[in-house]
C-alpha atoms as a PDB file:
ATOM      1  CA  MET A   1     204.718 102.029  98.311  1.00  0.00           C
ATOM      2  CA  GLY A   2     207.449 104.628  98.145  1.00  0.00           C
ATOM      3  CA  LYS A   3     210.508 104.661  95.975  1.00  0.00           C
ATOM      4  CA  VAL A   4     213.418 102.538  97.126  1.00  0.00           C
ATOM      5  CA  VAL A   5     217.111 102.782  96.315  1.00  0.00           C
ATOM      6  CA  ILE A   6     218.206  99.354  95.060  1.00  0.00           C
ATOM      7  CA  PRO A   7     221.853  98.412  95.648  1.00  0.00           C
ATOM      8  CA  PRO A   8     223.787  96.855  92.752  1.00  0.00           C
ATOM      9  CA  LEU A   9     223.263  93.141  92.173  1.00  0.00           C
ATOM     10  CA  THR A  10     225.627  90.620  93.717  1.00  0.00           C
ATOM     11  CA  THR A  11     227.229  87.871  91.600  1.00  0.00           C
ATOM     12  CA  GLU A  12     224.626  85.332  92.760  1.00  0.00           C
ATOM     13  CA  GLU A  13     221.819  87.666  91.771  1.00  0.00           C
ATOM     14  CA  LYS A  14     223.482  88.265  88.377  1.00  0.00           C
ATOM     15  CA  GLU A  15     223.634  84.507  87.750  1.00  0.00           C
ATOM     16  CA  LEU A  16     219.988  84.195  88.812  1.00  0.00           C
ATOM     17  CA  TRP A  17     219.084  87.058  86.504  1.00  0.00           C
ATOM     18  CA  GLU A  18     220.822  85.400  83.555  1.00  0.00           C
ATOM     19  CA  SER A  19     219.099  82.068  84.252  1.00  0.00           C
ATOM     20  CA  LEU A  20     215.716  83.800  84.513  1.00  0.00           C
ATOM     21  CA  GLY A  21     216.384  85.578  81.247  1.00  0.00           C
ATOM     22  CA  SER A  22     216.459  82.237  79.426  1.00  0.00           C
ATOM     23  CA  SER A  23     213.182  81.039  81.070  1.00  0.00           C
ATOM     24  CA  ALA A  24     209.635  82.180  80.296  1.00  0.00           C
ATOM     25  CA  ALA A  25     209.360  84.170  83.537  1.00  0.00           C
ATOM     26  CA  PRO A  26     209.133  87.976  83.346  1.00  0.00           C
ATOM     27  CA  PRO A  27     212.509  89.716  83.015  1.00  0.00           C
ATOM     28  CA  TYR A  28     212.479  91.607  86.336  1.00  0.00           C
ATOM     29  CA  ILE A  29     212.997  90.996  90.044  1.00  0.00           C
ATOM     30  CA  CYS A  30     210.655  92.487  92.640  1.00  0.00           C
ATOM     31  CA  ARG A  31     212.028  93.636  95.949  1.00  0.00           C
ATOM     32  CA  ARG A  32     209.720  94.307  98.843  1.00  0.00           C
ATOM     33  CA  MET A  33     210.257  96.734 101.678  1.00  0.00           C
ATOM     34  CA  GLU A  34     209.912  95.733 105.300  1.00  0.00           C
ATOM     35  CA  PRO A  35     206.682  97.030 106.883  1.00  0.00           C
ATOM     36  CA  SER A  36     207.042  99.930 109.275  1.00  0.00           C
ATOM     37  CA  PRO A  37     207.367  99.003 112.960  1.00  0.00           C
ATOM     38  CA  ILE A  38     204.159  98.851 114.989  1.00  0.00           C
ATOM     39  CA  ARG A  39     203.671 101.721 117.429  1.00  0.00           C
ATOM     40  CA  GLY A  40     201.249 101.149 120.253  1.00  0.00           C
ATOM     41  CA  PRO A  41     199.510  98.032 121.555  1.00  0.00           C
ATOM     42  CA  PRO A  42     198.801  95.162 119.147  1.00  0.00           C
ATOM     43  CA  GLY A  43     195.528  95.404 117.252  1.00  0.00           C
ATOM     44  CA  GLN A  44     195.486  99.193 117.407  1.00  0.00           C
ATOM     45  CA  PHE A  45     196.342 101.283 114.382  1.00  0.00           C
ATOM     46  CA  GLU A  46     197.691 104.825 114.467  1.00  0.00           C
ATOM     47  CA  ASP A  47     194.438 106.167 113.003  1.00  0.00           C
ATOM     48  CA  ASP A  48     192.480 104.570 115.872  1.00  0.00           C
ATOM     49  CA  LEU A  49     194.708 106.355 118.360  1.00  0.00           C
ATOM     50  CA  LYS A  50     194.145 109.691 116.609  1.00  0.00           C
ATOM     51  CA  GLU A  51     190.380 109.103 116.541  1.00  0.00           C
ATOM     52  CA  LYS A  52     190.418 108.189 120.237  1.00  0.00           C
ATOM     53  CA  MET A  53     192.335 111.373 121.052  1.00  0.00           C
ATOM     54  CA  ASP A  54     189.869 113.414 118.962  1.00  0.00           C
ATOM     55  CA  VAL A  55     186.922 111.836 120.778  1.00  0.00           C
ATOM     56  CA  GLU A  56     188.480 112.511 124.189  1.00  0.00           C
ATOM     57  CA  ARG A  57     189.171 116.118 123.222  1.00  0.00           C
ATOM     58  CA  LEU A  58     185.597 116.574 121.992  1.00  0.00           C
ATOM     59  CA  MET A  59     184.234 115.060 125.217  1.00  0.00           C
ATOM     60  CA  GLN A  60     186.265 117.580 127.240  1.00  0.00           C
ATOM     61  CA  VAL A  61     185.014 120.466 125.100  1.00  0.00           C
ATOM     62  CA  THR A  62     181.438 119.199 125.500  1.00  0.00           C
ATOM     63  CA  ALA A  63     181.808 119.057 129.296  1.00  0.00           C
ATOM     64  CA  ILE A  64     183.150 122.629 129.364  1.00  0.00           C
ATOM     65  CA  LEU A  65     180.304 123.868 127.171  1.00  0.00           C
ATOM     66  CA  ARG A  66     177.718 122.131 129.365  1.00  0.00           C
ATOM     67  CA  ALA A  67     179.141 123.829 132.473  1.00  0.00           C
ATOM     68  CA  LYS A  68     179.041 127.233 130.746  1.00  0.00           C
ATOM     69  CA  ASN A  69     175.480 126.541 129.579  1.00  0.00           C
ATOM     70  CA  ARG A  70     174.405 125.735 133.161  1.00  0.00           C
ATOM     71  CA  LYS A  71     175.909 129.026 134.392  1.00  0.00           C
ATOM     72  CA  LEU A  72     174.118 130.947 131.631  1.00  0.00           C
ATOM     73  CA  GLU A  73     170.809 129.250 132.476  1.00  0.00           C
ATOM     74  CA  GLU A  74     171.216 130.250 136.129  1.00  0.00           C
ATOM     75  CA  THR A  75     171.961 133.839 135.111  1.00  0.00           C
ATOM     76  CA  VAL A  76     168.903 133.939 132.860  1.00  0.00           C
ATOM     77  CA  SER A  77     166.643 132.587 135.617  1.00  0.00           C
ATOM     78  CA  GLU A  78     167.992 135.187 138.086  1.00  0.00           C
ATOM     79  CA  LEU A  79     167.393 137.980 135.569  1.00  0.00           C
ATOM     80  CA  LYS A  80     163.842 136.732 134.891  1.00  0.00           C
ATOM     81  CA  ARG A  81     163.130 136.709 138.613  1.00  0.00           C
ATOM     82  CA  ALA A  82     164.502 140.264 138.967  1.00  0.00           C
ATOM     83  CA  ASN A  83     162.382 141.378 135.996  1.00  0.00           C
ATOM     84  CA  LEU A  84     159.231 139.885 137.531  1.00  0.00           C
ATOM     85  CA  ASP A  85     160.020 141.667 140.820  1.00  0.00           C
ATOM     86  CA  MET A  86     160.346 144.965 138.944  1.00  0.00           C
ATOM     87  CA  ILE A  87     157.032 144.376 137.144  1.00  0.00           C
ATOM     88  CA  ASP A  88     155.320 143.645 140.478  1.00  0.00           C
ATOM     89  CA  ASN A  89     156.789 146.810 141.992  1.00  0.00           C
ATOM     90  CA  PHE A  90     155.616 148.850 138.976  1.00  0.00           C
ATOM     91  CA  HIS A  91     152.067 147.469 139.233  1.00  0.00           C
ATOM     92  CA  HIS A  92     152.004 148.194 142.960  1.00  0.00           C
ATOM     93  CA  LEU A  93     153.186 151.759 142.261  1.00  0.00           C
ATOM     94  CA  CYS A  94     150.510 152.232 139.565  1.00  0.00           C
ATOM     95  CA  ILE A  95     147.743 150.946 141.836  1.00  0.00           C
ATOM     96  CA  SER A  96     148.779 153.123 144.778  1.00  0.00           C
ATOM     97  CA  THR A  97     149.192 156.186 142.548  1.00  0.00           C
ATOM     98  CA  SER A  98     145.796 155.640 140.943  1.00  0.00           C
ATOM     99  CA  ALA A  99     144.140 155.346 144.353  1.00  0.00           C
ATOM    100  CA  LYS A 100     145.797 158.572 145.524  1.00  0.00           C
ATOM    101  CA  LEU A 101     144.751 160.384 142.342  1.00  0.00           C
ATOM    102  CA  ARG A 102     141.146 159.165 142.770  1.00  0.00           C
ATOM    103  CA  ARG A 103     141.062 160.443 146.347  1.00  0.00           C
ATOM    104  CA  LEU A 104     142.547 163.767 145.240  1.00  0.00           C
ATOM    105  CA  ALA A 105     140.042 164.133 142.363  1.00  0.00           C
ATOM    106  CA  LYS A 106     137.156 163.326 144.747  1.00  0.00           C
ATOM    107  CA  ALA A 107     138.463 165.876 147.287  1.00  0.00           C
ATOM    108  CA  ILE A 108     138.541 168.701 144.739  1.00  0.00           C
ATOM    109  CA  GLY A 109     135.185 167.636 143.285  1.00  0.00           C
ATOM    110  CA  HIS A 110     136.421 166.710 139.770  1.00  0.00           C
ATOM    111  CA  GLU A 111     136.060 162.908 139.628  1.00  0.00           C
ATOM    112  CA  ASP A 112     135.686 163.062 135.829  1.00  0.00           C
ATOM    113  CA  LEU A 113     139.385 164.040 135.462  1.00  0.00           C
ATOM    114  CA  LEU A 114     140.442 160.381 135.700  1.00  0.00           C
ATOM    115  CA  GLU A 115     138.098 159.283 132.882  1.00  0.00           C
ATOM    116  CA  PRO A 116     139.768 159.067 129.458  1.00  0.00           C
ATOM    117  CA  PRO A 117     138.480 161.590 126.969  1.00  0.00           C
ATOM    118  CA  SER A 118     135.909 160.239 124.509  1.00  0.00           C
ATOM    119  CA  PRO A 119     136.495 160.814 120.785  1.00  0.00           C
END
């Protein structure tokens, strides 16, 4: 509870105070504050509303991240496919070049040129 400014006692309260002073009851009077007004539908606290808003915000962020992740996965798959195409083209180039070199070596009579040197 917070601090409360207490107005001065009325005459009735003074009389009550004096009568309580002669009894065995404690020598003080407690005043209670009114509870704060309820904001929102009944049964829902302000913290619940904040948590609900946080959850909704996190769900939106999650949906955005999933969409970005899908786009990145598509980009990666396209790049993998392009890489495989380049590898296939390179192998085709190597095979055709090797065949041409073999024919050339056979034509000049030096077929041993294509053999790797032995140590």
